Amino acid sequence: MTLDRAVLAFAGAMIFLSVALTLWVSPHFVWFTLFIGANLMQSAFTGFCPAAMVMRRLGLRPGCAF
């Protein structure tokens, strides 16, 4: 798995988790979902992604985006 696909999979899993927490725990977890969306938007424009930096250090093969 490349770094790009791992970041996309991680972001998708975090969105599913945040929506589940919003539905079953507290409606305030919607802020977590919004934070994830904002992070995806800024990484699309700047190329800076903290998750990609961590995954690169864990040894994932680089992709073309990160």
N, C-alpha and C. Protein backbone atom coordinates (compact mmCIF):
# COMPACT_ATOMS: atom_id res chain seq x y z
N MET A 1 0.86 -1.17 0.00
CA MET A 1 0.00 0.00 0.00
C MET A 1 0.90 1.23 0.00
N THR A 2 0.56 2.17 -0.86
CA THR A 2 1.34 3.40 -0.91
C THR A 2 0.85 4.38 0.15
N LEU A 3 1.64 5.38 0.37
CA LEU A 3 1.32 6.41 1.36
C LEU A 3 0.02 7.13 1.01
N ASP A 4 -0.19 7.43 -0.26
CA ASP A 4 -1.40 8.13 -0.69
C ASP A 4 -2.66 7.34 -0.34
N ARG A 5 -2.64 6.06 -0.67
CA ARG A 5 -3.81 5.23 -0.39
C ARG A 5 -4.01 5.03 1.10
N ALA A 6 -2.94 4.96 1.86
CA ALA A 6 -3.05 4.82 3.31
C ALA A 6 -3.66 6.07 3.93
N VAL A 7 -3.28 7.24 3.45
CA VAL A 7 -3.85 8.49 3.97
C VAL A 7 -5.33 8.56 3.64
N LEU A 8 -5.72 8.18 2.42
CA LEU A 8 -7.13 8.19 2.05
C LEU A 8 -7.93 7.20 2.88
N ALA A 9 -7.38 6.01 3.11
CA ALA A 9 -8.07 5.01 3.93
C ALA A 9 -8.21 5.48 5.37
N PHE A 10 -7.17 6.10 5.89
CA PHE A 10 -7.20 6.61 7.26
C PHE A 10 -8.24 7.73 7.39
N ALA A 11 -8.28 8.63 6.42
CA ALA A 11 -9.26 9.73 6.45
C ALA A 11 -10.68 9.18 6.37
N GLY A 12 -10.91 8.21 5.52
CA GLY A 12 -12.23 7.60 5.43
C GLY A 12 -12.64 6.92 6.72
N ALA A 13 -11.72 6.20 7.34
CA ALA A 13 -12.02 5.54 8.61
C ALA A 13 -12.33 6.56 9.70
N MET A 14 -11.60 7.66 9.72
CA MET A 14 -11.85 8.69 10.73
C MET A 14 -13.21 9.37 10.51
N ILE A 15 -13.61 9.54 9.26
CA ILE A 15 -14.93 10.12 8.99
C ILE A 15 -16.03 9.17 9.45
N PHE A 16 -15.90 7.87 9.14
CA PHE A 16 -16.88 6.90 9.62
C PHE A 16 -16.96 6.90 11.15
N LEU A 17 -15.80 6.94 11.80
CA LEU A 17 -15.76 6.96 13.26
C LEU A 17 -16.42 8.21 13.81
N SER A 18 -16.13 9.35 13.23
CA SER A 18 -16.68 10.59 13.75
C SER A 18 -18.19 10.68 13.54
N VAL A 19 -18.69 10.16 12.42
CA VAL A 19 -20.13 10.14 12.21
C VAL A 19 -20.81 9.19 13.19
N ALA A 20 -20.21 8.04 13.43
CA ALA A 20 -20.77 7.11 14.41
C ALA A 20 -20.78 7.73 15.81
N LEU A 21 -19.71 8.40 16.19
CA LEU A 21 -19.68 9.06 17.49
C LEU A 21 -20.72 10.17 17.58
N THR A 22 -20.94 10.87 16.47
CA THR A 22 -21.95 11.93 16.45
C THR A 22 -23.35 11.33 16.65
N LEU A 23 -23.62 10.22 16.01
CA LEU A 23 -24.94 9.61 16.11
C LEU A 23 -25.20 8.96 17.46
N TRP A 24 -24.20 8.26 18.00
CA TRP A 24 -24.43 7.42 19.17
C TRP A 24 -23.90 7.97 20.48
N VAL A 25 -23.03 8.96 20.45
CA VAL A 25 -22.46 9.46 21.70
C VAL A 25 -22.93 10.88 21.98
N SER A 26 -22.56 11.80 21.09
CA SER A 26 -22.92 13.19 21.32
C SER A 26 -22.93 13.93 19.99
N PRO A 27 -23.88 14.83 19.80
CA PRO A 27 -23.90 15.61 18.57
C PRO A 27 -22.71 16.56 18.45
N HIS A 28 -21.99 16.77 19.52
CA HIS A 28 -20.83 17.65 19.49
C HIS A 28 -19.65 17.05 18.71
N PHE A 29 -19.71 15.73 18.46
CA PHE A 29 -18.65 15.11 17.67
C PHE A 29 -18.70 15.53 16.22
N VAL A 30 -19.73 16.26 15.81
CA VAL A 30 -19.77 16.79 14.45
C VAL A 30 -18.58 17.72 14.21
N TRP A 31 -18.08 18.33 15.26
CA TRP A 31 -16.89 19.18 15.13
C TRP A 31 -15.66 18.38 14.72
N PHE A 32 -15.59 17.13 15.15
CA PHE A 32 -14.50 16.24 14.74
C PHE A 32 -14.59 15.98 13.24
N THR A 33 -15.80 15.74 12.75
CA THR A 33 -16.01 15.53 11.32
C THR A 33 -15.60 16.77 10.52
N LEU A 34 -15.98 17.93 11.01
CA LEU A 34 -15.61 19.18 10.33
C LEU A 34 -14.10 19.40 10.35
N PHE A 35 -13.44 19.05 11.44
CA PHE A 35 -11.98 19.16 11.52
C PHE A 35 -11.31 18.26 10.48
N ILE A 36 -11.81 17.04 10.32
CA ILE A 36 -11.25 16.12 9.33
C ILE A 36 -11.42 16.69 7.92
N GLY A 37 -12.60 17.23 7.62
CA GLY A 37 -12.85 17.83 6.31
C GLY A 37 -11.94 19.02 6.06
N ALA A 38 -11.75 19.86 7.08
CA ALA A 38 -10.87 21.02 6.93
C ALA A 38 -9.43 20.57 6.69
N ASN A 39 -9.01 19.53 7.38
CA ASN A 39 -7.65 19.02 7.19
C ASN A 39 -7.48 18.46 5.78
N LEU A 40 -8.50 17.78 5.26
CA LEU A 40 -8.43 17.27 3.89
C LEU A 40 -8.34 18.41 2.88
N MET A 41 -9.10 19.46 3.11
CA MET A 41 -9.07 20.62 2.20
C MET A 41 -7.70 21.30 2.21
N GLN A 42 -7.16 21.55 3.39
CA GLN A 42 -5.88 22.24 3.44
C GLN A 42 -4.77 21.37 2.88
N SER A 43 -4.83 20.05 3.07
CA SER A 43 -3.78 19.20 2.50
C SER A 43 -3.89 19.14 0.97
N ALA A 44 -5.09 19.30 0.43
CA ALA A 44 -5.26 19.32 -1.03
C ALA A 44 -4.60 20.55 -1.63
N PHE A 45 -4.66 21.67 -0.92
CA PHE A 45 -4.09 22.91 -1.45
C PHE A 45 -2.62 23.11 -1.10
N THR A 46 -2.20 22.64 0.07
CA THR A 46 -0.83 22.90 0.50
C THR A 46 0.10 21.71 0.35
N GLY A 47 -0.45 20.50 0.33
CA GLY A 47 0.39 19.31 0.29
C GLY A 47 0.91 18.90 1.65
N PHE A 48 0.54 19.61 2.70
CA PHE A 48 0.99 19.30 4.05
C PHE A 48 -0.06 18.44 4.74
N CYS A 49 0.33 17.25 5.18
CA CYS A 49 -0.59 16.34 5.86
C CYS A 49 0.15 15.67 7.02
N PRO A 50 -0.24 15.98 8.26
CA PRO A 50 0.43 15.37 9.41
C PRO A 50 0.33 13.84 9.42
N ALA A 51 -0.80 13.28 8.98
CA ALA A 51 -0.93 11.83 8.94
C ALA A 51 0.07 11.22 7.96
N ALA A 52 0.29 11.88 6.84
CA ALA A 52 1.25 11.38 5.86
C ALA A 52 2.67 11.41 6.43
N MET A 53 2.97 12.42 7.21
CA MET A 53 4.30 12.50 7.81
C MET A 53 4.53 11.34 8.78
N VAL A 54 3.50 11.02 9.57
CA VAL A 54 3.62 9.90 10.52
C VAL A 54 3.74 8.58 9.78
N MET A 55 2.90 8.39 8.76
CA MET A 55 2.93 7.13 8.02
C MET A 55 4.23 6.95 7.25
N ARG A 56 4.81 8.04 6.77
CA ARG A 56 6.10 7.95 6.08
C ARG A 56 7.17 7.46 7.04
N ARG A 57 7.13 7.94 8.27
CA ARG A 57 8.10 7.49 9.27
C ARG A 57 7.89 6.04 9.68
N LEU A 58 6.66 5.55 9.50
CA LEU A 58 6.37 4.15 9.80
C LEU A 58 6.82 3.22 8.67
N GLY A 59 7.26 3.80 7.55
CA GLY A 59 7.87 3.01 6.49
C GLY A 59 7.00 2.72 5.29
N LEU A 60 5.91 3.42 5.11
CA LEU A 60 5.09 3.21 3.92
C LEU A 60 5.78 3.80 2.68
N ARG A 61 5.58 3.12 1.54
CA ARG A 61 6.17 3.58 0.30
C ARG A 61 5.56 4.91 -0.11
N PRO A 62 6.36 5.87 -0.53
CA PRO A 62 5.78 7.15 -0.97
C PRO A 62 4.95 6.97 -2.23
N GLY A 63 3.92 7.80 -2.33
CA GLY A 63 3.10 7.82 -3.53
C GLY A 63 3.41 9.06 -4.33
N CYS A 64 2.50 9.47 -5.17
CA CYS A 64 2.76 10.64 -5.98
C CYS A 64 2.24 11.93 -5.35
N ALA A 65 1.32 11.85 -4.39
CA ALA A 65 0.76 13.08 -3.81
C ALA A 65 1.56 13.55 -2.58
N PHE A 66 2.01 12.63 -1.75
CA PHE A 66 2.69 13.04 -0.52
C PHE A 66 4.14 12.60 -0.53
